[in-house]
Amino acid sequence: MSPITGLALAAALALVLGGLWLLQQPGGNRTKAILMMVAGAVIAFNAWVVSLPVPA
């Protein structure tokens, strides 16, 4: 795994955890929290695709 992939996964984790934290807040913005979690999932998916081996 390259350092860039690791940083991408750390950013994805931060977005997902931030979205979950925002959902728990009494006056939290639900739309922003869901969008943060979706963005984290997209970043994690992109990191997974980049880490796949190159076809021959």
Protein backbone atom coordinates (compact mmCIF):
# COMPACT_ATOMS: atom_id res chain seq x y z
CA MET A 1 0.00 0.00 0.00
CA SER A 2 1.40 3.39 -0.97
CA PRO A 3 1.51 6.34 1.44
CA ILE A 4 -1.05 8.17 -0.70
CA THR A 5 -3.51 5.29 -0.33
CA GLY A 6 -2.99 5.33 3.41
CA LEU A 7 -3.64 9.07 3.56
CA ALA A 8 -6.78 8.65 1.46
CA LEU A 9 -8.07 5.95 3.82
CA ALA A 10 -7.29 8.15 6.83
CA ALA A 11 -9.23 11.01 5.22
CA ALA A 12 -12.13 8.66 4.47
CA LEU A 13 -12.17 7.47 8.07
CA ALA A 14 -12.13 11.07 9.32
CA LEU A 15 -15.07 11.96 7.07
CA VAL A 16 -17.13 8.97 8.16
CA LEU A 17 -16.40 9.55 11.86
CA GLY A 18 -17.12 13.26 11.49
CA GLY A 19 -20.43 12.47 9.81
CA LEU A 20 -21.38 10.05 12.57
CA TRP A 21 -20.43 12.64 15.20
CA LEU A 22 -22.52 15.28 13.41
CA LEU A 23 -25.51 12.93 13.35
CA GLN A 24 -25.31 12.57 17.13
CA GLN A 25 -25.38 16.34 17.77
CA PRO A 26 -28.74 17.74 18.84
CA GLY A 27 -28.71 20.59 16.29
CA GLY A 28 -26.60 18.75 13.72
CA ASN A 29 -27.21 19.10 10.03
CA ARG A 30 -28.35 15.67 8.82
CA THR A 31 -27.78 16.42 5.14
CA LYS A 32 -24.19 17.50 5.73
CA ALA A 33 -23.53 14.45 7.91
CA ILE A 34 -24.86 12.04 5.28
CA LEU A 35 -22.89 13.77 2.52
CA MET A 36 -19.72 13.52 4.61
CA MET A 37 -20.23 9.79 5.08
CA VAL A 38 -20.95 9.29 1.36
CA ALA A 39 -17.80 11.24 0.47
CA GLY A 40 -15.81 9.05 2.85
CA ALA A 41 -17.18 5.92 1.21
CA VAL A 42 -16.32 7.25 -2.26
CA ILE A 43 -12.75 8.07 -1.21
CA ALA A 44 -12.33 4.62 0.34
CA PHE A 45 -13.68 2.99 -2.84
CA ASN A 46 -11.28 5.03 -4.99
CA ALA A 47 -8.35 4.01 -2.77
CA TRP A 48 -9.39 0.37 -3.15
CA VAL A 49 -9.58 0.68 -6.94
CA VAL A 50 -6.14 2.30 -7.10
CA SER A 51 -4.65 -0.49 -4.97
CA LEU A 52 -5.83 -3.23 -7.38
CA PRO A 53 -3.12 -4.86 -9.52
CA VAL A 54 -2.70 -3.60 -13.08
CA PRO A 55 -4.06 -6.13 -15.61
CA ALA A 56 -1.48 -7.74 -17.87
